[in-house]
Amino acid sequence: MPSKSPEDMMTAVAKSMRERTGRTLEEWVALVMASGIDPLDQNAVRKWLKTEHGLPQNTQWAIADAVARAAGWRRPSVEEYIDQQYSGPKAALRPIFDRVRGILESLGEEVRIEGRSTYTPFVRGRQFAAVAPATRTRVDVGLRFTDPPESELLVPSKGPGQATHKRWRLCSGPPTSRTGKSRPNRTTAMRLSRRVLPSPLTG
């Protein structure tokens, strides 16, 4: 089943909003606007919708998105999302992301990137990888497998994105882990990445 864009998902959720929640999307927008919550703070809107009304995650996102748009917000482009993720204290991680991006995009012309606020999904039919600047010194690469290969570089994970596994963390700065064990530096991590990145679920 092909992966839907964020716009497609929002549209699908909005169409069944009244049936599932008892209110139309427009009515939810009006309710949020009257609540006093900053309509541009989508995290706060989603939290309010969950705690006060018990709405599920996809519905929260659709309403928060519609509220922000009504307040003048414009969804950033894919490149704008990426620029925001790798700015400020995380700017030093951009070369790592660009290298991983190049490897993932080399898997085929049909690979496309989608925009998200905290991570970057890579899609080929469905999402098969997601890259996130986890900290100021670490980039996490999530991979989605149906039959994961045996590798010391992979650990089970529920993120970023739709990942089933997370590969060895790609880091800048001193090659030292929290446990005190040596950890590959940026050059080594990029070399190791080719051992596992090309083989996740892509169908």
N, C-alpha and C. Protein backbone atom coordinates (compact mmCIF):
# COMPACT_ATOMS: atom_id res chain seq x y z
N MET A 1 0.85 -1.20 0.00
CA MET A 1 0.00 0.00 0.00
C MET A 1 0.89 1.25 0.00
N PRO A 2 0.72 2.14 -0.98
CA PRO A 2 1.57 3.32 -1.08
C PRO A 2 1.45 4.21 0.15
N SER A 3 2.56 4.85 0.49
CA SER A 3 2.56 5.78 1.62
C SER A 3 1.83 7.06 1.24
N LYS A 4 0.98 7.55 2.14
CA LYS A 4 0.26 8.78 1.89
C LYS A 4 1.08 9.97 2.35
N SER A 5 0.94 11.08 1.65
CA SER A 5 1.60 12.31 2.06
C SER A 5 0.87 12.85 3.29
N PRO A 6 1.51 13.76 4.04
CA PRO A 6 0.82 14.36 5.19
C PRO A 6 -0.49 15.01 4.79
N GLU A 7 -0.52 15.66 3.63
CA GLU A 7 -1.75 16.32 3.17
C GLU A 7 -2.85 15.29 2.90
N ASP A 8 -2.49 14.16 2.29
CA ASP A 8 -3.47 13.11 2.02
C ASP A 8 -4.04 12.54 3.31
N MET A 9 -3.16 12.33 4.30
CA MET A 9 -3.61 11.78 5.57
C MET A 9 -4.53 12.75 6.29
N MET A 10 -4.18 14.04 6.27
CA MET A 10 -5.02 15.05 6.92
C MET A 10 -6.40 15.10 6.26
N THR A 11 -6.43 15.01 4.93
CA THR A 11 -7.69 15.06 4.20
C THR A 11 -8.56 13.85 4.55
N ALA A 12 -7.95 12.66 4.60
CA ALA A 12 -8.70 11.45 4.91
C ALA A 12 -9.29 11.50 6.32
N VAL A 13 -8.50 11.99 7.28
CA VAL A 13 -8.98 12.10 8.66
C VAL A 13 -10.10 13.12 8.75
N ALA A 14 -9.96 14.23 8.05
CA ALA A 14 -10.96 15.30 8.12
C ALA A 14 -12.31 14.85 7.56
N LYS A 15 -12.29 14.01 6.52
CA LYS A 15 -13.53 13.57 5.89
C LYS A 15 -14.40 12.76 6.83
N SER A 16 -13.77 12.01 7.74
CA SER A 16 -14.55 11.16 8.65
C SER A 16 -14.61 11.74 10.07
N MET A 17 -14.28 13.02 10.20
CA MET A 17 -14.19 13.64 11.52
C MET A 17 -15.51 13.60 12.29
N ARG A 18 -16.61 14.02 11.66
CA ARG A 18 -17.89 14.06 12.36
C ARG A 18 -18.32 12.66 12.79
N GLU A 19 -18.13 11.70 11.91
CA GLU A 19 -18.54 10.33 12.22
C GLU A 19 -17.78 9.76 13.42
N ARG A 20 -16.48 10.11 13.50
CA ARG A 20 -15.65 9.53 14.55
C ARG A 20 -15.64 10.33 15.85
N THR A 21 -15.90 11.65 15.76
CA THR A 21 -15.77 12.50 16.95
C THR A 21 -17.04 13.24 17.34
N GLY A 22 -18.02 13.27 16.43
CA GLY A 22 -19.24 14.01 16.72
C GLY A 22 -19.18 15.47 16.31
N ARG A 23 -18.04 15.93 15.83
CA ARG A 23 -17.88 17.30 15.36
C ARG A 23 -17.17 17.30 14.00
N THR A 24 -17.45 18.30 13.20
CA THR A 24 -16.72 18.48 11.95
C THR A 24 -15.36 19.10 12.26
N LEU A 25 -14.49 19.08 11.28
CA LEU A 25 -13.18 19.70 11.46
C LEU A 25 -13.33 21.19 11.75
N GLU A 26 -14.24 21.84 11.05
CA GLU A 26 -14.46 23.28 11.26
C GLU A 26 -14.93 23.55 12.69
N GLU A 27 -15.78 22.67 13.23
CA GLU A 27 -16.27 22.85 14.60
C GLU A 27 -15.14 22.66 15.61
N TRP A 28 -14.24 21.72 15.34
CA TRP A 28 -13.09 21.52 16.23
C TRP A 28 -12.16 22.73 16.19
N VAL A 29 -11.97 23.28 15.01
CA VAL A 29 -11.12 24.46 14.88
C VAL A 29 -11.69 25.60 15.70
N ALA A 30 -13.00 25.82 15.59
CA ALA A 30 -13.65 26.88 16.35
C ALA A 30 -13.52 26.64 17.85
N LEU A 31 -13.63 25.38 18.26
CA LEU A 31 -13.54 25.05 19.68
C LEU A 31 -12.14 25.35 20.22
N VAL A 32 -11.12 24.98 19.45
CA VAL A 32 -9.74 25.25 19.88
C VAL A 32 -9.49 26.75 19.93
N MET A 33 -9.97 27.46 18.94
CA MET A 33 -9.76 28.91 18.89
C MET A 33 -10.39 29.60 20.09
N ALA A 34 -11.49 29.05 20.57
CA ALA A 34 -12.19 29.65 21.72
C ALA A 34 -11.61 29.21 23.06
N SER A 35 -10.65 28.26 23.03
CA SER A 35 -10.12 27.70 24.28
C SER A 35 -9.06 28.59 24.93
N GLY A 36 -8.49 29.51 24.16
CA GLY A 36 -7.43 30.35 24.68
C GLY A 36 -6.04 29.82 24.43
N ILE A 37 -5.93 28.62 23.87
CA ILE A 37 -4.63 28.04 23.55
C ILE A 37 -4.04 28.77 22.33
N ASP A 38 -2.75 28.95 22.32
CA ASP A 38 -2.07 29.55 21.17
C ASP A 38 -2.29 28.64 19.96
N PRO A 39 -3.01 29.10 18.94
CA PRO A 39 -3.32 28.24 17.80
C PRO A 39 -2.09 27.83 16.99
N LEU A 40 -0.97 28.55 17.16
CA LEU A 40 0.24 28.21 16.43
C LEU A 40 1.13 27.22 17.19
N ASP A 41 0.77 26.94 18.44
CA ASP A 41 1.51 25.96 19.24
C ASP A 41 0.84 24.59 19.04
N GLN A 42 1.24 23.89 18.00
CA GLN A 42 0.56 22.65 17.66
C GLN A 42 0.74 21.57 18.73
N ASN A 43 1.86 21.57 19.41
CA ASN A 43 2.06 20.61 20.50
C ASN A 43 1.04 20.84 21.61
N ALA A 44 0.84 22.11 21.97
CA ALA A 44 -0.12 22.43 23.03
C ALA A 44 -1.55 22.08 22.61
N VAL A 45 -1.87 22.34 21.34
CA VAL A 45 -3.21 22.01 20.83
C VAL A 45 -3.44 20.51 20.88
N ARG A 46 -2.45 19.73 20.43
CA ARG A 46 -2.60 18.27 20.44
C ARG A 46 -2.74 17.74 21.87
N LYS A 47 -1.95 18.30 22.79
CA LYS A 47 -2.04 17.86 24.19
C LYS A 47 -3.42 18.15 24.76
N TRP A 48 -3.96 19.33 24.46
CA TRP A 48 -5.29 19.71 24.95
C TRP A 48 -6.37 18.79 24.37
N LEU A 49 -6.26 18.49 23.11
CA LEU A 49 -7.24 17.61 22.46
C LEU A 49 -7.21 16.20 23.06
N LYS A 50 -6.01 15.77 23.46
CA LYS A 50 -5.89 14.44 24.05
C LYS A 50 -6.40 14.41 25.48
N THR A 51 -5.96 15.39 26.29
CA THR A 51 -6.31 15.37 27.72
C THR A 51 -7.76 15.77 27.97
N GLU A 52 -8.25 16.76 27.22
CA GLU A 52 -9.59 17.27 27.47
C GLU A 52 -10.68 16.51 26.69
N HIS A 53 -10.31 15.93 25.55
CA HIS A 53 -11.33 15.30 24.71
C HIS A 53 -11.02 13.86 24.32
N GLY A 54 -9.85 13.37 24.71
CA GLY A 54 -9.52 11.97 24.47
C GLY A 54 -9.40 11.58 23.00
N LEU A 55 -9.02 12.53 22.16
CA LEU A 55 -8.94 12.24 20.72
C LEU A 55 -7.67 11.45 20.39
N PRO A 56 -7.76 10.54 19.42
CA PRO A 56 -6.58 9.76 19.03
C PRO A 56 -5.57 10.62 18.28
N GLN A 57 -4.38 10.08 18.12
CA GLN A 57 -3.25 10.86 17.61
C GLN A 57 -3.49 11.46 16.23
N ASN A 58 -3.94 10.66 15.26
CA ASN A 58 -4.13 11.18 13.91
C ASN A 58 -5.14 12.32 13.88
N THR A 59 -6.18 12.20 14.70
CA THR A 59 -7.20 13.25 14.78
C THR A 59 -6.62 14.51 15.40
N GLN A 60 -5.80 14.34 16.45
CA GLN A 60 -5.14 15.49 17.06
C GLN A 60 -4.30 16.25 16.03
N TRP A 61 -3.53 15.51 15.26
CA TRP A 61 -2.65 16.14 14.28
C TRP A 61 -3.44 16.88 13.21
N ALA A 62 -4.54 16.27 12.74
CA ALA A 62 -5.35 16.91 11.70
C ALA A 62 -5.96 18.20 12.20
N ILE A 63 -6.47 18.19 13.43
CA ILE A 63 -7.10 19.39 13.99
C ILE A 63 -6.05 20.46 14.26
N ALA A 64 -4.93 20.08 14.87
CA ALA A 64 -3.87 21.04 15.17
C ALA A 64 -3.35 21.68 13.89
N ASP A 65 -3.23 20.89 12.84
CA ASP A 65 -2.77 21.42 11.55
C ASP A 65 -3.77 22.43 11.00
N ALA A 66 -5.06 22.09 11.06
CA ALA A 66 -6.09 22.98 10.54
C ALA A 66 -6.18 24.27 11.35
N VAL A 67 -6.02 24.15 12.68
CA VAL A 67 -6.05 25.33 13.55
C VAL A 67 -4.89 26.26 13.21
N ALA A 68 -3.70 25.70 13.06
CA ALA A 68 -2.53 26.52 12.74
C ALA A 68 -2.68 27.21 11.39
N ARG A 69 -3.20 26.49 10.41
CA ARG A 69 -3.42 27.09 9.09
C ARG A 69 -4.42 28.23 9.17
N ALA A 70 -5.46 28.04 9.98
CA ALA A 70 -6.47 29.08 10.13
C ALA A 70 -5.87 30.33 10.78
N ALA A 71 -4.80 30.13 11.57
CA ALA A 71 -4.13 31.25 12.24
C ALA A 71 -3.00 31.84 11.39
N GLY A 72 -2.87 31.35 10.15
CA GLY A 72 -1.89 31.93 9.24
C GLY A 72 -0.63 31.13 9.03
N TRP A 73 -0.53 29.95 9.66
CA TRP A 73 0.67 29.13 9.50
C TRP A 73 0.71 28.50 8.12
N ARG A 74 1.91 28.37 7.57
CA ARG A 74 2.11 27.70 6.29
C ARG A 74 3.01 26.49 6.50
N ARG A 75 2.60 25.35 5.96
CA ARG A 75 3.43 24.16 6.11
C ARG A 75 4.77 24.37 5.39
N PRO A 76 5.89 24.15 6.06
CA PRO A 76 7.19 24.32 5.41
C PRO A 76 7.38 23.29 4.29
N SER A 77 8.26 23.61 3.36
CA SER A 77 8.63 22.65 2.33
C SER A 77 9.53 21.59 2.96
N VAL A 78 9.78 20.51 2.23
CA VAL A 78 10.66 19.46 2.74
C VAL A 78 12.02 20.03 3.11
N GLU A 79 12.60 20.84 2.23
CA GLU A 79 13.92 21.39 2.50
C GLU A 79 13.90 22.35 3.68
N GLU A 80 12.80 23.08 3.85
CA GLU A 80 12.69 23.98 5.00
C GLU A 80 12.62 23.18 6.30
N TYR A 81 11.89 22.06 6.29
CA TYR A 81 11.85 21.20 7.47
C TYR A 81 13.26 20.72 7.83
N ILE A 82 14.00 20.28 6.82
CA ILE A 82 15.36 19.77 7.05
C ILE A 82 16.26 20.88 7.59
N ASP A 83 16.17 22.06 6.99
CA ASP A 83 16.99 23.18 7.45
C ASP A 83 16.70 23.51 8.91
N GLN A 84 15.42 23.44 9.30
CA GLN A 84 15.05 23.73 10.69
C GLN A 84 15.62 22.69 11.64
N GLN A 85 15.58 21.42 11.25
CA GLN A 85 16.08 20.35 12.10
C GLN A 85 17.58 20.48 12.36
N TYR A 86 18.32 20.89 11.32
CA TYR A 86 19.77 20.95 11.42
C TYR A 86 20.26 22.40 11.47
N SER A 87 19.67 23.15 12.38
CA SER A 87 20.07 24.54 12.59
C SER A 87 20.47 24.72 14.04
N GLY A 88 21.01 25.88 14.35
CA GLY A 88 21.39 26.17 15.73
C GLY A 88 22.37 25.16 16.29
N PRO A 89 22.11 24.63 17.49
CA PRO A 89 23.07 23.71 18.13
C PRO A 89 23.23 22.38 17.40
N LYS A 90 22.30 22.06 16.46
CA LYS A 90 22.39 20.80 15.73
C LYS A 90 22.94 20.99 14.31
N ALA A 91 23.42 22.19 14.01
CA ALA A 91 23.93 22.48 12.66
C ALA A 91 25.11 21.59 12.30
N ALA A 92 25.91 21.21 13.29
CA ALA A 92 27.10 20.39 13.01
C ALA A 92 26.74 19.00 12.52
N LEU A 93 25.48 18.60 12.72
CA LEU A 93 25.05 17.27 12.28
C LEU A 93 24.63 17.22 10.81
N ARG A 94 24.52 18.39 10.18
CA ARG A 94 24.02 18.42 8.80
C ARG A 94 24.87 17.57 7.83
N PRO A 95 26.21 17.58 7.91
CA PRO A 95 26.98 16.73 7.00
C PRO A 95 26.66 15.24 7.15
N ILE A 96 26.35 14.81 8.38
CA ILE A 96 25.98 13.41 8.60
C ILE A 96 24.65 13.12 7.90
N PHE A 97 23.67 14.00 8.10
CA PHE A 97 22.39 13.81 7.44
C PHE A 97 22.54 13.78 5.92
N ASP A 98 23.31 14.73 5.38
CA ASP A 98 23.48 14.80 3.93
C ASP A 98 24.11 13.52 3.39
N ARG A 99 25.05 12.95 4.14
CA ARG A 99 25.69 11.71 3.69
C ARG A 99 24.70 10.56 3.70
N VAL A 100 23.92 10.42 4.79
CA VAL A 100 22.92 9.37 4.86
C VAL A 100 21.85 9.57 3.78
N ARG A 101 21.46 10.81 3.58
CA ARG A 101 20.47 11.12 2.54
C ARG A 101 20.97 10.65 1.17
N GLY A 102 22.22 10.91 0.88
CA GLY A 102 22.78 10.50 -0.39
C GLY A 102 22.74 8.99 -0.58
N ILE A 103 23.05 8.24 0.50
CA ILE A 103 23.02 6.78 0.43
C ILE A 103 21.60 6.28 0.19
N LEU A 104 20.63 6.84 0.92
CA LEU A 104 19.25 6.39 0.78
C LEU A 104 18.68 6.75 -0.59
N GLU A 105 18.96 7.94 -1.07
CA GLU A 105 18.43 8.34 -2.37
C GLU A 105 19.08 7.56 -3.51
N SER A 106 20.28 7.01 -3.28
CA SER A 106 20.94 6.23 -4.32
C SER A 106 20.29 4.86 -4.52
N LEU A 107 19.34 4.51 -3.65
CA LEU A 107 18.67 3.22 -3.78
C LEU A 107 17.72 3.18 -4.98
N GLY A 108 17.39 4.32 -5.54
CA GLY A 108 16.52 4.33 -6.72
C GLY A 108 15.85 5.67 -6.93
N GLU A 109 15.49 5.94 -8.17
CA GLU A 109 14.86 7.22 -8.50
C GLU A 109 13.49 7.37 -7.86
N GLU A 110 12.87 6.24 -7.49
CA GLU A 110 11.53 6.31 -6.90
C GLU A 110 11.55 6.68 -5.42
N VAL A 111 12.72 6.72 -4.81
CA VAL A 111 12.82 7.13 -3.41
C VAL A 111 12.50 8.61 -3.29
N ARG A 112 11.60 8.95 -2.39
CA ARG A 112 11.27 10.36 -2.17
C ARG A 112 11.34 10.69 -0.68
N ILE A 113 11.50 11.97 -0.41
CA ILE A 113 11.60 12.46 0.96
C ILE A 113 10.33 13.22 1.30
N GLU A 114 9.86 13.06 2.54
CA GLU A 114 8.71 13.82 3.03
C GLU A 114 9.16 14.73 4.16
N GLY A 115 8.39 15.77 4.40
CA GLY A 115 8.73 16.72 5.45
C GLY A 115 8.04 16.41 6.76
N ARG A 116 8.78 16.42 7.84
CA ARG A 116 8.25 16.30 9.19
C ARG A 116 9.03 17.29 10.06
N SER A 117 8.47 17.62 11.21
CA SER A 117 9.11 18.63 12.05
C SER A 117 10.32 18.10 12.81
N THR A 118 10.34 16.82 13.19
CA THR A 118 11.41 16.31 14.03
C THR A 118 12.26 15.22 13.38
N TYR A 119 11.83 14.70 12.24
CA TYR A 119 12.61 13.69 11.54
C TYR A 119 12.29 13.75 10.05
N THR A 120 13.10 13.07 9.23
CA THR A 120 12.91 13.08 7.79
C THR A 120 12.63 11.67 7.31
N PRO A 121 11.41 11.39 6.81
CA PRO A 121 11.09 10.05 6.30
C PRO A 121 11.54 9.88 4.85
N PHE A 122 11.98 8.66 4.53
CA PHE A 122 12.32 8.28 3.17
C PHE A 122 11.34 7.20 2.74
N VAL A 123 10.73 7.38 1.57
CA VAL A 123 9.62 6.54 1.15
C VAL A 123 9.90 5.93 -0.22
N ARG A 124 9.61 4.65 -0.35
CA ARG A 124 9.60 4.00 -1.65
C ARG A 124 8.43 3.01 -1.62
N GLY A 125 7.26 3.50 -2.06
CA GLY A 125 6.03 2.72 -1.89
C GLY A 125 5.48 2.90 -0.50
N ARG A 126 6.33 2.73 0.50
CA ARG A 126 5.99 2.99 1.90
C ARG A 126 7.26 3.50 2.58
N GLN A 127 7.10 4.04 3.76
CA GLN A 127 8.26 4.56 4.48
C GLN A 127 9.19 3.41 4.86
N PHE A 128 10.47 3.50 4.48
CA PHE A 128 11.41 2.44 4.81
C PHE A 128 12.56 2.94 5.68
N ALA A 129 12.70 4.25 5.81
CA ALA A 129 13.77 4.78 6.66
C ALA A 129 13.36 6.16 7.16
N ALA A 130 13.94 6.54 8.29
CA ALA A 130 13.70 7.87 8.86
C ALA A 130 14.96 8.32 9.58
N VAL A 131 15.32 9.57 9.39
CA VAL A 131 16.55 10.10 9.97
C VAL A 131 16.20 11.27 10.88
N ALA A 132 16.75 11.26 12.09
CA ALA A 132 16.40 12.30 13.07
C ALA A 132 17.62 12.79 13.81
N PRO A 133 17.74 14.12 14.00
CA PRO A 133 18.80 14.67 14.85
C PRO A 133 18.39 14.50 16.31
N ALA A 134 18.79 13.40 16.92
CA ALA A 134 18.30 13.04 18.25
C ALA A 134 18.82 13.97 19.34
N THR A 135 20.09 14.33 19.25
CA THR A 135 20.70 15.24 20.22
C THR A 135 21.61 16.19 19.46
N ARG A 136 22.36 17.00 20.18
CA ARG A 136 23.28 17.93 19.53
C ARG A 136 24.45 17.22 18.86
N THR A 137 24.69 15.98 19.27
CA THR A 137 25.85 15.25 18.75
C THR A 137 25.50 13.92 18.09
N ARG A 138 24.20 13.61 17.91
CA ARG A 138 23.84 12.28 17.43
C ARG A 138 22.69 12.32 16.44
N VAL A 139 22.86 11.58 15.36
CA VAL A 139 21.79 11.39 14.38
C VAL A 139 21.33 9.93 14.47
N ASP A 140 20.02 9.71 14.61
CA ASP A 140 19.48 8.36 14.63
C ASP A 140 18.91 8.01 13.25
N VAL A 141 19.20 6.81 12.78
CA VAL A 141 18.67 6.32 11.51
C VAL A 141 17.76 5.14 11.81
N GLY A 142 16.46 5.31 11.59
CA GLY A 142 15.49 4.24 11.79
C GLY A 142 15.23 3.53 10.48
N LEU A 143 15.18 2.20 10.53
CA LEU A 143 14.95 1.39 9.34
C LEU A 143 13.75 0.47 9.58
N ARG A 144 12.96 0.26 8.55
CA ARG A 144 11.77 -0.57 8.67
C ARG A 144 12.01 -1.90 7.95
N PHE A 145 12.01 -3.00 8.71
CA PHE A 145 12.26 -4.33 8.17
C PHE A 145 11.06 -5.24 8.38
N THR A 146 10.89 -6.20 7.46
CA THR A 146 9.99 -7.33 7.71
C THR A 146 10.82 -8.53 8.15
N ASP A 147 12.07 -8.60 7.69
CA ASP A 147 12.98 -9.68 8.05
C ASP A 147 14.36 -9.07 8.27
N PRO A 148 14.60 -8.53 9.45
CA PRO A 148 15.86 -7.81 9.69
C PRO A 148 17.08 -8.71 9.62
N PRO A 149 18.16 -8.23 9.03
CA PRO A 149 19.39 -9.02 9.00
C PRO A 149 20.05 -9.02 10.37
N GLU A 150 20.90 -10.02 10.62
CA GLU A 150 21.64 -10.03 11.86
C GLU A 150 22.80 -9.05 11.74
N SER A 151 22.87 -8.10 12.64
CA SER A 151 23.93 -7.10 12.60
C SER A 151 24.09 -6.47 13.97
N GLU A 152 25.35 -6.33 14.39
CA GLU A 152 25.61 -5.65 15.66
C GLU A 152 25.30 -4.17 15.58
N LEU A 153 25.01 -3.67 14.38
CA LEU A 153 24.71 -2.25 14.20
C LEU A 153 23.23 -1.95 14.34
N LEU A 154 22.39 -2.99 14.47
CA LEU A 154 20.94 -2.78 14.54
C LEU A 154 20.39 -3.14 15.91
N VAL A 155 19.45 -2.32 16.39
CA VAL A 155 18.73 -2.63 17.63
C VAL A 155 17.25 -2.38 17.39
N PRO A 156 16.35 -3.20 17.98
CA PRO A 156 14.91 -2.97 17.81
C PRO A 156 14.53 -1.58 18.29
N SER A 157 13.60 -0.96 17.59
CA SER A 157 13.21 0.41 17.93
C SER A 157 11.81 0.70 17.40
N LYS A 158 11.13 1.63 18.03
CA LYS A 158 9.82 2.09 17.58
C LYS A 158 9.89 3.47 16.96
N GLY A 159 11.05 3.88 16.57
CA GLY A 159 11.23 5.19 15.97
C GLY A 159 12.68 5.42 15.64
N PRO A 160 12.99 6.48 14.92
CA PRO A 160 12.05 7.52 14.45
C PRO A 160 11.13 7.01 13.34
N GLY A 161 10.04 7.74 13.12
CA GLY A 161 9.09 7.39 12.08
C GLY A 161 8.49 6.02 12.31
N GLN A 162 8.40 5.23 11.24
CA GLN A 162 7.80 3.89 11.28
C GLN A 162 8.86 2.80 11.42
N ALA A 163 10.01 3.16 11.97
CA ALA A 163 11.12 2.22 12.07
C ALA A 163 10.79 1.03 12.96
N THR A 164 11.32 -0.13 12.57
CA THR A 164 11.28 -1.32 13.42
C THR A 164 12.62 -1.52 14.11
N HIS A 165 13.67 -0.94 13.51
CA HIS A 165 15.02 -1.04 14.06
C HIS A 165 15.74 0.29 13.91
N LYS A 166 16.71 0.49 14.76
CA LYS A 166 17.55 1.68 14.68
C LYS A 166 18.98 1.22 14.49
N ARG A 167 19.67 1.81 13.51
CA ARG A 167 21.06 1.42 13.29
C ARG A 167 21.96 2.16 14.27
N TRP A 168 23.21 1.75 14.32
CA TRP A 168 24.18 2.38 15.22
C TRP A 168 24.12 3.90 15.10
N ARG A 169 24.08 4.57 16.22
CA ARG A 169 23.94 6.02 16.21
C ARG A 169 25.13 6.69 15.52
N LEU A 170 24.83 7.64 14.66
CA LEU A 170 25.88 8.37 13.96
C LEU A 170 26.17 9.64 14.74
N CYS A 171 27.42 9.82 15.14
CA CYS A 171 27.75 10.90 16.08
C CYS A 171 28.85 11.81 15.57
N SER A 172 28.79 13.04 16.04
CA SER A 172 29.89 13.97 15.87
C SER A 172 30.49 14.18 17.24
N GLY A 173 31.71 14.68 17.30
CA GLY A 173 32.32 14.90 18.59
C GLY A 173 33.10 13.69 19.07
N PRO A 174 33.48 13.64 20.35
CA PRO A 174 34.30 12.57 20.90
C PRO A 174 33.65 11.21 20.72
N PRO A 175 34.38 10.19 20.27
CA PRO A 175 33.82 8.86 20.03
C PRO A 175 33.67 8.06 21.31
N THR A 176 32.84 8.55 22.24
CA THR A 176 32.65 7.87 23.51
C THR A 176 31.16 7.73 23.79
N SER A 177 30.73 6.53 24.15
CA SER A 177 29.32 6.28 24.43
C SER A 177 29.03 6.53 25.90
N ARG A 178 27.73 6.45 26.27
CA ARG A 178 27.36 6.66 27.66
C ARG A 178 27.94 5.57 28.56
N THR A 179 28.19 4.38 27.98
CA THR A 179 28.73 3.28 28.76
C THR A 179 30.24 3.33 28.87
N GLY A 180 30.87 4.30 28.16
CA GLY A 180 32.31 4.40 28.20
C GLY A 180 33.00 3.62 27.10
N LYS A 181 32.22 2.83 26.31
CA LYS A 181 32.79 2.05 25.23
C LYS A 181 33.06 2.95 24.03
N SER A 182 34.03 2.54 23.23
CA SER A 182 34.34 3.34 22.04
C SER A 182 33.18 3.32 21.09
N ARG A 183 33.01 4.40 20.36
CA ARG A 183 31.90 4.54 19.43
C ARG A 183 32.46 5.12 18.14
N PRO A 184 31.98 4.67 16.98
CA PRO A 184 32.57 5.15 15.73
C PRO A 184 32.40 6.65 15.55
N ASN A 185 33.46 7.30 15.07
CA ASN A 185 33.33 8.71 14.76
C ASN A 185 32.59 8.87 13.45
N ARG A 186 32.45 10.11 12.97
CA ARG A 186 31.62 10.37 11.81
C ARG A 186 32.10 9.61 10.57
N THR A 187 33.42 9.59 10.34
CA THR A 187 33.94 8.91 9.15
C THR A 187 33.69 7.42 9.23
N THR A 188 33.97 6.81 10.39
CA THR A 188 33.75 5.39 10.55
C THR A 188 32.28 5.05 10.45
N ALA A 189 31.42 5.87 11.05
CA ALA A 189 29.98 5.61 11.01
C ALA A 189 29.46 5.62 9.59
N MET A 190 29.95 6.54 8.78
CA MET A 190 29.50 6.59 7.40
C MET A 190 29.93 5.35 6.63
N ARG A 191 31.13 4.84 6.93
CA ARG A 191 31.59 3.64 6.26
C ARG A 191 30.75 2.43 6.70
N LEU A 192 30.46 2.36 7.99
CA LEU A 192 29.66 1.25 8.50
C LEU A 192 28.23 1.29 7.98
N SER A 193 27.71 2.49 7.72
CA SER A 193 26.31 2.63 7.32
C SER A 193 26.02 1.86 6.03
N ARG A 194 26.99 1.74 5.16
CA ARG A 194 26.76 1.04 3.90
C ARG A 194 26.55 -0.46 4.10
N ARG A 195 26.87 -0.95 5.28
CA ARG A 195 26.70 -2.38 5.55
C ARG A 195 25.25 -2.74 5.83
N VAL A 196 24.44 -1.77 6.27
CA VAL A 196 23.07 -2.12 6.63
C VAL A 196 22.02 -1.24 5.98
N LEU A 197 22.36 -0.03 5.55
CA LEU A 197 21.35 0.88 5.02
C LEU A 197 20.66 0.42 3.75
N PRO A 198 21.33 -0.26 2.80
CA PRO A 198 20.66 -0.58 1.55
C PRO A 198 19.63 -1.70 1.61
N SER A 199 19.40 -2.36 2.78
CA SER A 199 18.58 -3.56 2.76
C SER A 199 17.26 -3.52 3.52
N PRO A 200 16.67 -2.35 3.90
CA PRO A 200 15.38 -2.38 4.59
C PRO A 200 14.24 -2.64 3.64
N LEU A 201 13.05 -2.87 4.25
CA LEU A 201 11.82 -3.06 3.47
C LEU A 201 11.58 -1.91 2.54
N THR A 202 11.34 -2.17 1.28
CA THR A 202 11.08 -1.11 0.31
C THR A 202 9.87 -1.43 -0.54
N GLY A 203 9.27 -2.55 -0.38
CA GLY A 203 8.15 -2.92 -1.23
C GLY A 203 6.85 -2.44 -0.70
